[in-house]
PDB file of N, CA and C in Angstrom:
ATOM      1  N   UNK A   1       7.840  -2.227  26.132  1.00  0.00           N
ATOM      2  CA  UNK A   1       7.561  -1.976  24.710  1.00  0.00           C
ATOM      3  C   UNK A   1       6.433  -2.934  24.283  1.00  0.00           C
ATOM      4  N   UNK A   2       5.474  -2.497  23.537  1.00  0.00           N
ATOM      5  CA  UNK A   2       4.369  -3.279  23.072  1.00  0.00           C
ATOM      6  C   UNK A   2       4.834  -4.369  22.092  1.00  0.00           C
ATOM      7  N   UNK A   3       4.091  -5.469  22.017  1.00  0.00           N
ATOM      8  CA  UNK A   3       4.425  -6.583  21.130  1.00  0.00           C
ATOM      9  C   UNK A   3       3.805  -6.219  19.780  1.00  0.00           C
ATOM     10  N   UNK A   4       4.521  -5.571  18.889  1.00  0.00           N
ATOM     11  CA  UNK A   4       3.924  -5.176  17.598  1.00  0.00           C
ATOM     12  C   UNK A   4       4.052  -6.271  16.599  1.00  0.00           C
ATOM     13  N   UNK A   5       2.982  -6.557  15.776  1.00  0.00           N
ATOM     14  CA  UNK A   5       3.088  -7.556  14.755  1.00  0.00           C
ATOM     15  C   UNK A   5       4.077  -7.122  13.700  1.00  0.00           C
ATOM     16  N   UNK A   6       4.755  -8.146  13.173  1.00  0.00           N
ATOM     17  CA  UNK A   6       5.817  -7.826  12.159  1.00  0.00           C
ATOM     18  C   UNK A   6       5.245  -8.053  10.748  1.00  0.00           C
ATOM     19  N   UNK A   7       5.847  -7.294   9.832  1.00  0.00           N
ATOM     20  CA  UNK A   7       5.552  -7.423   8.426  1.00  0.00           C
ATOM     21  C   UNK A   7       6.638  -8.251   7.768  1.00  0.00           C
ATOM     22  N   UNK A   8       6.290  -9.345   7.096  1.00  0.00           N
ATOM     23  CA  UNK A   8       7.270 -10.180   6.428  1.00  0.00           C
ATOM     24  C   UNK A   8       6.965 -10.264   4.991  1.00  0.00           C
ATOM     25  N   UNK A   9       7.921  -9.975   4.056  1.00  0.00           N
ATOM     26  CA  UNK A   9       7.750 -10.117   2.693  1.00  0.00           C
ATOM     27  C   UNK A   9       8.366 -11.520   2.365  1.00  0.00           C
ATOM     28  N   UNK A  10       7.534 -12.346   1.771  1.00  0.00           N
ATOM     29  CA  UNK A  10       7.911 -13.741   1.401  1.00  0.00           C
ATOM     30  C   UNK A  10       7.777 -14.062   0.017  1.00  0.00           C
ATOM     31  N   UNK A  11       8.539 -14.917  -0.541  1.00  0.00           N
ATOM     32  CA  UNK A  11       8.321 -15.499  -1.863  1.00  0.00           C
ATOM     33  C   UNK A  11       7.159 -16.442  -1.831  1.00  0.00           C
ATOM     34  N   UNK A  12       6.171 -16.276  -2.705  1.00  0.00           N
ATOM     35  CA  UNK A  12       5.071 -17.241  -2.740  1.00  0.00           C
ATOM     36  C   UNK A  12       5.381 -18.383  -3.672  1.00  0.00           C
ATOM     37  N   UNK A  13       4.458 -19.387  -3.742  1.00  0.00           N
ATOM     38  CA  UNK A  13       4.751 -20.537  -4.626  1.00  0.00           C
ATOM     39  C   UNK A  13       4.858 -20.232  -6.140  1.00  0.00           C
ATOM     40  N   UNK A  14       4.304 -19.122  -6.545  1.00  0.00           N
ATOM     41  CA  UNK A  14       4.300 -18.764  -7.976  1.00  0.00           C
ATOM     42  C   UNK A  14       5.563 -17.873  -8.267  1.00  0.00           C
ATOM     43  N   UNK A  15       6.419 -17.649  -7.324  1.00  0.00           N
ATOM     44  CA  UNK A  15       7.561 -16.801  -7.521  1.00  0.00           C
ATOM     45  C   UNK A  15       7.379 -15.335  -7.236  1.00  0.00           C
ATOM     46  N   UNK A  16       6.136 -14.985  -6.892  1.00  0.00           N
ATOM     47  CA  UNK A  16       5.840 -13.524  -6.588  1.00  0.00           C
ATOM     48  C   UNK A  16       6.166 -13.228  -5.152  1.00  0.00           C
ATOM     49  N   UNK A  17       5.724 -12.118  -4.684  1.00  0.00           N
ATOM     50  CA  UNK A  17       5.933 -11.651  -3.366  1.00  0.00           C
ATOM     51  C   UNK A  17       4.625 -11.603  -2.589  1.00  0.00           C
ATOM     52  N   UNK A  18       4.600 -12.161  -1.395  1.00  0.00           N
ATOM     53  CA  UNK A  18       3.403 -12.091  -0.499  1.00  0.00           C
ATOM     54  C   UNK A  18       3.847 -11.344   0.781  1.00  0.00           C
ATOM     55  N   UNK A  19       2.843 -10.731   1.362  1.00  0.00           N
ATOM     56  CA  UNK A  19       3.044 -10.079   2.693  1.00  0.00           C
ATOM     57  C   UNK A  19       2.431 -10.958   3.704  1.00  0.00           C
ATOM     58  N   UNK A  20       3.165 -11.279   4.784  1.00  0.00           N
ATOM     59  CA  UNK A  20       2.593 -12.014   5.944  1.00  0.00           C
ATOM     60  C   UNK A  20       2.513 -11.089   7.071  1.00  0.00           C
ATOM     61  N   UNK A  21       1.364 -10.981   7.604  1.00  0.00           N
ATOM     62  CA  UNK A  21       1.032 -10.087   8.668  1.00  0.00           C
ATOM     63  C   UNK A  21       0.000 -10.670   9.583  1.00  0.00           C
ATOM     64  N   UNK A  22       0.307 -10.754  10.885  1.00  0.00           N
ATOM     65  CA  UNK A  22      -0.608 -11.324  11.849  1.00  0.00           C
ATOM     66  C   UNK A  22      -1.188 -12.757  11.450  1.00  0.00           C
ATOM     67  N   UNK A  23      -0.257 -13.510  10.943  1.00  0.00           N
ATOM     68  CA  UNK A  23      -0.675 -14.907  10.656  1.00  0.00           C
ATOM     69  C   UNK A  23      -1.503 -15.158   9.373  1.00  0.00           C
ATOM     70  N   UNK A  24      -1.546 -14.143   8.515  1.00  0.00           N
ATOM     71  CA  UNK A  24      -2.304 -14.249   7.235  1.00  0.00           C
ATOM     72  C   UNK A  24      -1.478 -13.768   6.073  1.00  0.00           C
ATOM     73  N   UNK A  25      -1.663 -14.320   4.919  1.00  0.00           N
ATOM     74  CA  UNK A  25      -0.937 -13.989   3.693  1.00  0.00           C
ATOM     75  C   UNK A  25      -1.719 -12.987   2.889  1.00  0.00           C
ATOM     76  N   UNK A  26      -1.036 -11.993   2.270  1.00  0.00           N
ATOM     77  CA  UNK A  26      -1.733 -11.017   1.425  1.00  0.00           C
ATOM     78  C   UNK A  26      -1.020 -10.907   0.104  1.00  0.00           C
ATOM     79  N   UNK A  27      -1.751 -10.665  -1.007  1.00  0.00           N
ATOM     80  CA  UNK A  27      -1.238 -10.433  -2.321  1.00  0.00           C
ATOM     81  C   UNK A  27      -1.269  -8.992  -2.631  1.00  0.00           C
ATOM     82  N   UNK A  28      -0.193  -8.505  -3.324  1.00  0.00           N
ATOM     83  CA  UNK A  28      -0.111  -7.132  -3.677  1.00  0.00           C
ATOM     84  C   UNK A  28      -1.049  -6.877  -4.832  1.00  0.00           C
ATOM     85  N   UNK A  29      -1.964  -5.935  -4.726  1.00  0.00           N
ATOM     86  CA  UNK A  29      -2.852  -5.501  -5.823  1.00  0.00           C
ATOM     87  C   UNK A  29      -2.477  -4.185  -6.452  1.00  0.00           C
ATOM     88  N   UNK A  30      -2.117  -3.240  -5.703  1.00  0.00           N
ATOM     89  CA  UNK A  30      -1.765  -1.902  -6.227  1.00  0.00           C
ATOM     90  C   UNK A  30      -0.612  -1.269  -5.425  1.00  0.00           C
ATOM     91  N   UNK A  31       0.131  -0.481  -6.140  1.00  0.00           N
ATOM     92  CA  UNK A  31       1.231   0.321  -5.495  1.00  0.00           C
ATOM     93  C   UNK A  31       1.266   1.655  -6.215  1.00  0.00           C
ATOM     94  N   UNK A  32       0.980   2.668  -5.438  1.00  0.00           N
ATOM     95  CA  UNK A  32       1.077   4.091  -5.968  1.00  0.00           C
ATOM     96  C   UNK A  32       1.779   4.868  -4.849  1.00  0.00           C
ATOM     97  N   UNK A  33       1.050   5.609  -4.084  1.00  0.00           N
ATOM     98  CA  UNK A  33       1.665   6.321  -3.011  1.00  0.00           C
ATOM     99  C   UNK A  33       1.737   5.440  -1.770  1.00  0.00           C
ATOM    100  N   UNK A  34       0.926   4.331  -1.779  1.00  0.00           N
ATOM    101  CA  UNK A  34       0.957   3.333  -0.681  1.00  0.00           C
ATOM    102  C   UNK A  34       0.620   2.036  -1.391  1.00  0.00           C
ATOM    103  N   UNK A  35       0.920   0.944  -0.724  1.00  0.00           N
ATOM    104  CA  UNK A  35       0.682  -0.411  -1.332  1.00  0.00           C
ATOM    105  C   UNK A  35      -0.625  -0.987  -0.678  1.00  0.00           C
ATOM    106  N   UNK A  36      -1.389  -1.562  -1.627  1.00  0.00           N
ATOM    107  CA  UNK A  36      -2.654  -2.222  -1.234  1.00  0.00           C
ATOM    108  C   UNK A  36      -2.473  -3.717  -1.363  1.00  0.00           C
ATOM    109  N   UNK A  37      -2.691  -4.402  -0.257  1.00  0.00           N
ATOM    110  CA  UNK A  37      -2.563  -5.907  -0.184  1.00  0.00           C
ATOM    111  C   UNK A  37      -3.884  -6.468   0.122  1.00  0.00           C
ATOM    112  N   UNK A  38      -4.322  -7.465  -0.659  1.00  0.00           N
ATOM    113  CA  UNK A  38      -5.576  -8.178  -0.352  1.00  0.00           C
ATOM    114  C   UNK A  38      -5.246  -9.548   0.220  1.00  0.00           C
ATOM    115  N   UNK A  39      -6.169  -9.989   1.068  1.00  0.00           N
ATOM    116  CA  UNK A  39      -6.028 -11.307   1.694  1.00  0.00           C
ATOM    117  C   UNK A  39      -5.909 -12.363   0.622  1.00  0.00           C
ATOM    118  N   UNK A  40      -5.122 -13.402   0.887  1.00  0.00           N
ATOM    119  CA  UNK A  40      -4.995 -14.449  -0.093  1.00  0.00           C
ATOM    120  C   UNK A  40      -6.215 -15.320  -0.162  1.00  0.00           C
ATOM    121  N   UNK A  41      -7.162 -15.164   0.707  1.00  0.00           N
ATOM    122  CA  UNK A  41      -8.388 -15.940   0.719  1.00  0.00           C
ATOM    123  C   UNK A  41      -9.541 -15.085   0.061  1.00  0.00           C
ATOM    124  N   UNK A  42      -9.189 -14.126  -0.727  1.00  0.00           N
ATOM    125  CA  UNK A  42     -10.219 -13.193  -1.270  1.00  0.00           C
ATOM    126  C   UNK A  42     -11.160 -13.940  -2.229  1.00  0.00           C
ATOM    127  N   UNK A  43     -10.688 -15.028  -2.883  1.00  0.00           N
ATOM    128  CA  UNK A  43     -11.558 -15.814  -3.765  1.00  0.00           C
ATOM    129  C   UNK A  43     -12.629 -16.562  -2.965  1.00  0.00           C
ATOM    130  N   UNK A  44     -12.403 -16.816  -1.663  1.00  0.00           N
ATOM    131  CA  UNK A  44     -13.279 -17.469  -0.731  1.00  0.00           C
ATOM    132  C   UNK A  44     -14.190 -16.476  -0.062  1.00  0.00           C
ATOM    133  N   UNK A  45     -14.124 -15.241  -0.470  1.00  0.00           N
ATOM    134  CA  UNK A  45     -15.069 -14.246   0.076  1.00  0.00           C
ATOM    135  C   UNK A  45     -14.495 -13.429   1.235  1.00  0.00           C
ATOM    136  N   UNK A  46     -13.206 -13.554   1.538  1.00  0.00           N
ATOM    137  CA  UNK A  46     -12.657 -12.706   2.615  1.00  0.00           C
ATOM    138  C   UNK A  46     -12.305 -11.312   2.014  1.00  0.00           C
ATOM    139  N   UNK A  47     -12.746 -10.316   2.790  1.00  0.00           N
ATOM    140  CA  UNK A  47     -12.505  -8.866   2.323  1.00  0.00           C
ATOM    141  C   UNK A  47     -11.354  -8.335   3.105  1.00  0.00           C
ATOM    142  N   UNK A  48     -10.568  -9.093   3.715  1.00  0.00           N
ATOM    143  CA  UNK A  48      -9.367  -8.590   4.550  1.00  0.00           C
ATOM    144  C   UNK A  48      -8.391  -7.884   3.610  1.00  0.00           C
ATOM    145  N   UNK A  49      -7.887  -6.760   4.062  1.00  0.00           N
ATOM    146  CA  UNK A  49      -6.912  -5.947   3.213  1.00  0.00           C
ATOM    147  C   UNK A  49      -6.083  -5.183   4.128  1.00  0.00           C
ATOM    148  N   UNK A  50      -4.850  -4.852   3.684  1.00  0.00           N
ATOM    149  CA  UNK A  50      -3.923  -4.017   4.368  1.00  0.00           C
ATOM    150  C   UNK A  50      -3.301  -2.980   3.481  1.00  0.00           C
ATOM    151  N   UNK A  51      -3.227  -1.738   3.879  1.00  0.00           N
ATOM    152  CA  UNK A  51      -2.506  -0.697   3.172  1.00  0.00           C
ATOM    153  C   UNK A  51      -1.195  -0.429   3.950  1.00  0.00           C
ATOM    154  N   UNK A  52      -0.045  -0.470   3.218  1.00  0.00           N
ATOM    155  CA  UNK A  52       1.197  -0.170   3.861  1.00  0.00           C
ATOM    156  C   UNK A  52       1.917   0.955   3.138  1.00  0.00           C
ATOM    157  N   UNK A  53       2.978   1.516   3.721  1.00  0.00           N
ATOM    158  CA  UNK A  53       3.714   2.465   3.080  1.00  0.00           C
ATOM    159  C   UNK A  53       4.556   1.786   2.010  1.00  0.00           C
ATOM    160  N   UNK A  54       5.192   2.491   1.090  1.00  0.00           N
ATOM    161  CA  UNK A  54       5.898   1.922  -0.071  1.00  0.00           C
ATOM    162  C   UNK A  54       7.075   0.983   0.405  1.00  0.00           C
ATOM    163  N   UNK A  55       7.701   1.291   1.563  1.00  0.00           N
ATOM    164  CA  UNK A  55       8.773   0.472   2.046  1.00  0.00           C
ATOM    165  C   UNK A  55       8.280  -0.756   2.818  1.00  0.00           C
ATOM    166  N   UNK A  56       7.006  -0.920   2.983  1.00  0.00           N
ATOM    167  CA  UNK A  56       6.403  -2.084   3.691  1.00  0.00           C
ATOM    168  C   UNK A  56       6.965  -2.108   5.144  1.00  0.00           C
ATOM    169  N   UNK A  57       6.959  -1.035   5.836  1.00  0.00           N
ATOM    170  CA  UNK A  57       7.446  -1.002   7.219  1.00  0.00           C
ATOM    171  C   UNK A  57       6.373  -0.673   8.176  1.00  0.00           C
ATOM    172  N   UNK A  58       5.196  -0.066   7.666  1.00  0.00           N
ATOM    173  CA  UNK A  58       4.149   0.382   8.558  1.00  0.00           C
ATOM    174  C   UNK A  58       2.778   0.066   7.963  1.00  0.00           C
ATOM    175  N   UNK A  59       1.868  -0.403   8.720  1.00  0.00           N
ATOM    176  CA  UNK A  59       0.518  -0.570   8.286  1.00  0.00           C
ATOM    177  C   UNK A  59      -0.194   0.791   8.458  1.00  0.00           C
ATOM    178  N   UNK A  60      -0.812   1.270   7.377  1.00  0.00           N
ATOM    179  CA  UNK A  60      -1.489   2.510   7.354  1.00  0.00           C
ATOM    180  C   UNK A  60      -2.991   2.329   7.716  1.00  0.00           C
ATOM    181  N   UNK A  61      -3.588   1.261   7.129  1.00  0.00           N
ATOM    182  CA  UNK A  61      -4.991   1.032   7.314  1.00  0.00           C
ATOM    183  C   UNK A  61      -5.249  -0.410   7.085  1.00  0.00           C
ATOM    184  N   UNK A  62      -6.361  -1.002   7.651  1.00  0.00           N
ATOM    185  CA  UNK A  62      -6.655  -2.416   7.377  1.00  0.00           C
ATOM    186  C   UNK A  62      -8.146  -2.554   7.431  1.00  0.00           C
ATOM    187  N   UNK A  63      -8.605  -3.616   6.599  1.00  0.00           N
ATOM    188  CA  UNK A  63      -9.984  -4.114   6.642  1.00  0.00           C
ATOM    189  C   UNK A  63     -10.042  -5.460   7.389  1.00  0.00           C
ATOM    190  N   UNK A  64     -11.164  -5.683   8.069  1.00  0.00           N
ATOM    191  CA  UNK A  64     -11.324  -6.906   8.778  1.00  0.00           C
ATOM    192  C   UNK A  64     -11.518  -8.137   7.910  1.00  0.00           C
ATOM    193  N   UNK A  65     -11.190  -9.309   8.368  1.00  0.00           N
ATOM    194  CA  UNK A  65     -11.356 -10.570   7.684  1.00  0.00           C
ATOM    195  C   UNK A  65     -12.721 -11.169   8.122  1.00  0.00           C
ATOM    196  N   UNK A  66     -13.192 -12.090   7.297  1.00  0.00           N
ATOM    197  CA  UNK A  66     -14.390 -12.866   7.674  1.00  0.00           C
ATOM    198  C   UNK A  66     -13.937 -13.840   8.810  1.00  0.00           C
ATOM    199  N   UNK A  67     -14.911 -14.365   9.536  1.00  0.00           N
ATOM    200  CA  UNK A  67     -14.649 -15.214  10.623  1.00  0.00           C
ATOM    201  C   UNK A  67     -13.976 -16.585  10.218  1.00  0.00           C
ATOM    202  N   UNK A  68     -14.322 -17.013   9.012  1.00  0.00           N
ATOM    203  CA  UNK A  68     -13.763 -18.333   8.565  1.00  0.00           C
ATOM    204  C   UNK A  68     -12.388 -18.173   7.970  1.00  0.00           C
ATOM    205  N   UNK A  69     -11.828 -17.020   7.901  1.00  0.00           N
ATOM    206  CA  UNK A  69     -10.542 -16.865   7.323  1.00  0.00           C
ATOM    207  C   UNK A  69      -9.473 -17.357   8.352  1.00  0.00           C
ATOM    208  N   UNK A  70      -8.669 -18.347   7.978  1.00  0.00           N
ATOM    209  CA  UNK A  70      -7.791 -18.976   8.938  1.00  0.00           C
ATOM    210  C   UNK A  70      -6.568 -18.165   9.325  1.00  0.00           C
ATOM    211  N   UNK A  71      -6.127 -18.241  10.517  1.00  0.00           N
ATOM    212  CA  UNK A  71      -4.928 -17.596  11.056  1.00  0.00           C
ATOM    213  C   UNK A  71      -3.935 -18.647  11.333  1.00  0.00           C
ATOM    214  N   UNK A  72      -2.658 -18.464  10.862  1.00  0.00           N
ATOM    215  CA  UNK A  72      -1.585 -19.480  11.088  1.00  0.00           C
ATOM    216  C   UNK A  72      -0.409 -18.700  11.607  1.00  0.00           C
ATOM    217  N   UNK A  73      -0.079 -18.744  12.922  1.00  0.00           N
ATOM    218  CA  UNK A  73       0.939 -18.041  13.499  1.00  0.00           C
ATOM    219  C   UNK A  73       2.360 -18.382  12.965  1.00  0.00           C
ATOM    220  N   UNK A  74       2.413 -19.612  12.307  1.00  0.00           N
ATOM    221  CA  UNK A  74       3.697 -20.047  11.806  1.00  0.00           C
ATOM    222  C   UNK A  74       3.769 -19.937  10.277  1.00  0.00           C
ATOM    223  N   UNK A  75       2.926 -19.124   9.696  1.00  0.00           N
ATOM    224  CA  UNK A  75       2.835 -19.016   8.258  1.00  0.00           C
ATOM    225  C   UNK A  75       4.159 -18.490   7.601  1.00  0.00           C
ATOM    226  N   UNK A  76       4.768 -17.499   8.225  1.00  0.00           N
ATOM    227  CA  UNK A  76       6.054 -16.920   7.633  1.00  0.00           C
ATOM    228  C   UNK A  76       7.092 -17.991   7.605  1.00  0.00           C
ATOM    229  N   UNK A  77       7.237 -18.742   8.688  1.00  0.00           N
ATOM    230  CA  UNK A  77       8.201 -19.786   8.775  1.00  0.00           C
ATOM    231  C   UNK A  77       8.007 -20.835   7.689  1.00  0.00           C
ATOM    232  N   UNK A  78       6.739 -21.289   7.543  1.00  0.00           N
ATOM    233  CA  UNK A  78       6.380 -22.261   6.486  1.00  0.00           C
ATOM    234  C   UNK A  78       6.687 -21.798   5.134  1.00  0.00           C
ATOM    235  N   UNK A  79       6.341 -20.571   4.814  1.00  0.00           N
ATOM    236  CA  UNK A  79       6.639 -20.012   3.520  1.00  0.00           C
ATOM    237  C   UNK A  79       8.092 -19.935   3.242  1.00  0.00           C
ATOM    238  N   UNK A  80       8.827 -19.461   4.257  1.00  0.00           N
ATOM    239  CA  UNK A  80      10.280 -19.388   4.133  1.00  0.00           C
ATOM    240  C   UNK A  80      10.917 -20.762   3.812  1.00  0.00           C
ATOM    241  N   UNK A  81      10.542 -21.780   4.564  1.00  0.00           N
ATOM    242  CA  UNK A  81      11.088 -23.108   4.389  1.00  0.00           C
ATOM    243  C   UNK A  81      10.710 -23.648   3.015  1.00  0.00           C
ATOM    244  N   UNK A  82       9.418 -23.380   2.579  1.00  0.00           N
ATOM    245  CA  UNK A  82       8.991 -23.886   1.253  1.00  0.00           C
ATOM    246  C   UNK A  82       9.801 -23.220   0.172  1.00  0.00           C
ATOM    247  N   UNK A  83      10.106 -21.948   0.302  1.00  0.00           N
ATOM    248  CA  UNK A  83      10.955 -21.207  -0.668  1.00  0.00           C
ATOM    249  C   UNK A  83      12.355 -21.822  -0.746  1.00  0.00           C
ATOM    250  N   UNK A  84      12.898 -22.072   0.401  1.00  0.00           N
ATOM    251  CA  UNK A  84      14.284 -22.624   0.459  1.00  0.00           C
ATOM    252  C   UNK A  84      14.340 -24.036  -0.235  1.00  0.00           C
ATOM    253  N   UNK A  85      13.253 -24.846   0.082  1.00  0.00           N
ATOM    254  CA  UNK A  85      13.216 -26.164  -0.561  1.00  0.00           C
ATOM    255  C   UNK A  85      13.064 -26.048  -2.093  1.00  0.00           C
ATOM    256  N   UNK A  86      12.260 -25.207  -2.489  1.00  0.00           N
ATOM    257  CA  UNK A  86      12.085 -25.045  -3.948  1.00  0.00           C
ATOM    258  C   UNK A  86      13.440 -24.592  -4.636  1.00  0.00           C
ATOM    259  N   UNK A  87      14.086 -23.641  -3.968  1.00  0.00           N
ATOM    260  CA  UNK A  87      15.278 -23.128  -4.569  1.00  0.00           C
ATOM    261  C   UNK A  87      16.431 -24.196  -4.570  1.00  0.00           C
ATOM    262  N   UNK A  88      16.569 -24.949  -3.477  1.00  0.00           N
ATOM    263  CA  UNK A  88      17.639 -25.981  -3.405  1.00  0.00           C
ATOM    264  C   UNK A  88      17.250 -27.127  -4.305  1.00  0.00           C
ATOM    265  N   UNK A  89      15.973 -27.482  -4.455  1.00  0.00           N
ATOM    266  CA  UNK A  89      15.683 -28.642  -5.377  1.00  0.00           C
ATOM    267  C   UNK A  89      15.914 -28.263  -6.860  1.00  0.00           C
ATOM    268  N   UNK A  90      15.779 -26.994  -7.199  1.00  0.00           N
ATOM    269  CA  UNK A  90      16.036 -26.558  -8.531  1.00  0.00           C
ATOM    270  C   UNK A  90      17.552 -26.458  -8.822  1.00  0.00           C
ATOM    271  N   UNK A  91      18.367 -26.133  -7.821  1.00  0.00           N
ATOM    272  CA  UNK A  91      19.788 -25.934  -8.002  1.00  0.00           C
ATOM    273  C   UNK A  91      20.653 -27.175  -7.828  1.00  0.00           C
ATOM    274  N   UNK A  92      20.235 -28.047  -6.884  1.00  0.00           N
ATOM    275  CA  UNK A  92      21.069 -29.244  -6.559  1.00  0.00           C
ATOM    276  C   UNK A  92      20.584 -30.514  -7.275  1.00  0.00           C
ATOM    277  N   UNK A  93      21.424 -31.410  -7.344  1.00  0.00           N
ATOM    278  CA  UNK A  93      21.073 -32.701  -7.988  1.00  0.00           C
ATOM    279  C   UNK A  93      20.693 -33.805  -7.052  1.00  0.00           C
ATOM    280  N   UNK A  94      20.663 -33.428  -5.767  1.00  0.00           N
ATOM    281  CA  UNK A  94      20.318 -34.447  -4.749  1.00  0.00           C
ATOM    282  C   UNK A  94      18.796 -34.747  -4.852  1.00  0.00           C
ATOM    283  N   UNK A  95      18.411 -35.903  -4.407  1.00  0.00           N
ATOM    284  CA  UNK A  95      16.908 -36.247  -4.349  1.00  0.00           C
ATOM    285  C   UNK A  95      16.175 -35.265  -3.440  1.00  0.00           C
ATOM    286  N   UNK A  96      14.968 -34.990  -3.761  1.00  0.00           N
ATOM    287  CA  UNK A  96      14.218 -33.995  -3.001  1.00  0.00           C
ATOM    288  C   UNK A  96      14.004 -34.536  -1.551  1.00  0.00           C
ATOM    289  N   UNK A  97      13.733 -35.795  -1.292  1.00  0.00           N
ATOM    290  CA  UNK A  97      13.592 -36.238   0.114  1.00  0.00           C
ATOM    291  C   UNK A  97      14.880 -36.012   0.901  1.00  0.00           C
ATOM    292  N   UNK A  98      16.029 -36.148   0.304  1.00  0.00           N
ATOM    293  CA  UNK A  98      17.320 -35.870   1.063  1.00  0.00           C
ATOM    294  C   UNK A  98      17.363 -34.349   1.407  1.00  0.00           C
ATOM    295  N   UNK A  99      17.038 -33.450   0.505  1.00  0.00           N
ATOM    296  CA  UNK A  99      17.056 -32.038   0.738  1.00  0.00           C
ATOM    297  C   UNK A  99      16.019 -31.742   1.855  1.00  0.00           C
ATOM    298  N   UNK A 100      14.886 -32.329   1.785  1.00  0.00           N
ATOM    299  CA  UNK A 100      13.884 -32.079   2.765  1.00  0.00           C
ATOM    300  C   UNK A 100      14.415 -32.515   4.154  1.00  0.00           C
ATOM    301  N   UNK A 101      15.019 -33.651   4.260  1.00  0.00           N
ATOM    302  CA  UNK A 101      15.522 -34.221   5.549  1.00  0.00           C
ATOM    303  C   UNK A 101      16.563 -33.275   6.097  1.00  0.00           C
ATOM    304  N   UNK A 102      17.426 -32.744   5.162  1.00  0.00           N
ATOM    305  CA  UNK A 102      18.519 -31.766   5.616  1.00  0.00           C
ATOM    306  C   UNK A 102      17.902 -30.518   6.177  1.00  0.00           C
ATOM    307  N   UNK A 103      16.889 -29.972   5.499  1.00  0.00           N
ATOM    308  CA  UNK A 103      16.223 -28.724   5.970  1.00  0.00           C
ATOM    309  C   UNK A 103      15.425 -28.930   7.196  1.00  0.00           C
ATOM    310  N   UNK A 104      14.769 -30.083   7.344  1.00  0.00           N
ATOM    311  CA  UNK A 104      14.032 -30.408   8.510  1.00  0.00           C
ATOM    312  C   UNK A 104      14.895 -30.499   9.767  1.00  0.00           C
ATOM    313  N   UNK A 105      16.092 -31.033   9.608  1.00  0.00           N
ATOM    314  CA  UNK A 105      16.992 -31.175  10.758  1.00  0.00           C
ATOM    315  C   UNK A 105      17.749 -29.951  11.050  1.00  0.00           C
ATOM    316  N   UNK A 106      17.735 -28.890  10.213  1.00  0.00           N
ATOM    317  CA  UNK A 106      18.522 -27.666  10.448  1.00  0.00           C
ATOM    318  C   UNK A 106      17.712 -26.760  11.378  1.00  0.00           C
TER     319      UNK A 106
END
């Protein structure tokens, strides 16, 4: 079976939802019959984009990124950990460094 890239929906730092695909983050711009996601580096001139079905299970179409657009293979993991840290620090009364140490050792 081919090694197919996975689509991950992650909470971004503003509380919205980002799509992580092939080591890059995308912001949702439009949703009608399909969802249109723009590269998070669009303000830096990247024209990368992805169109997915409404369930975000399949990539329908994609635009290429500029060469300077960074790829981070661990981006989904980092965003997930950041969201967990933000949620725990808002809910718990422990100091943030203690929460960070607990999550780092887990």
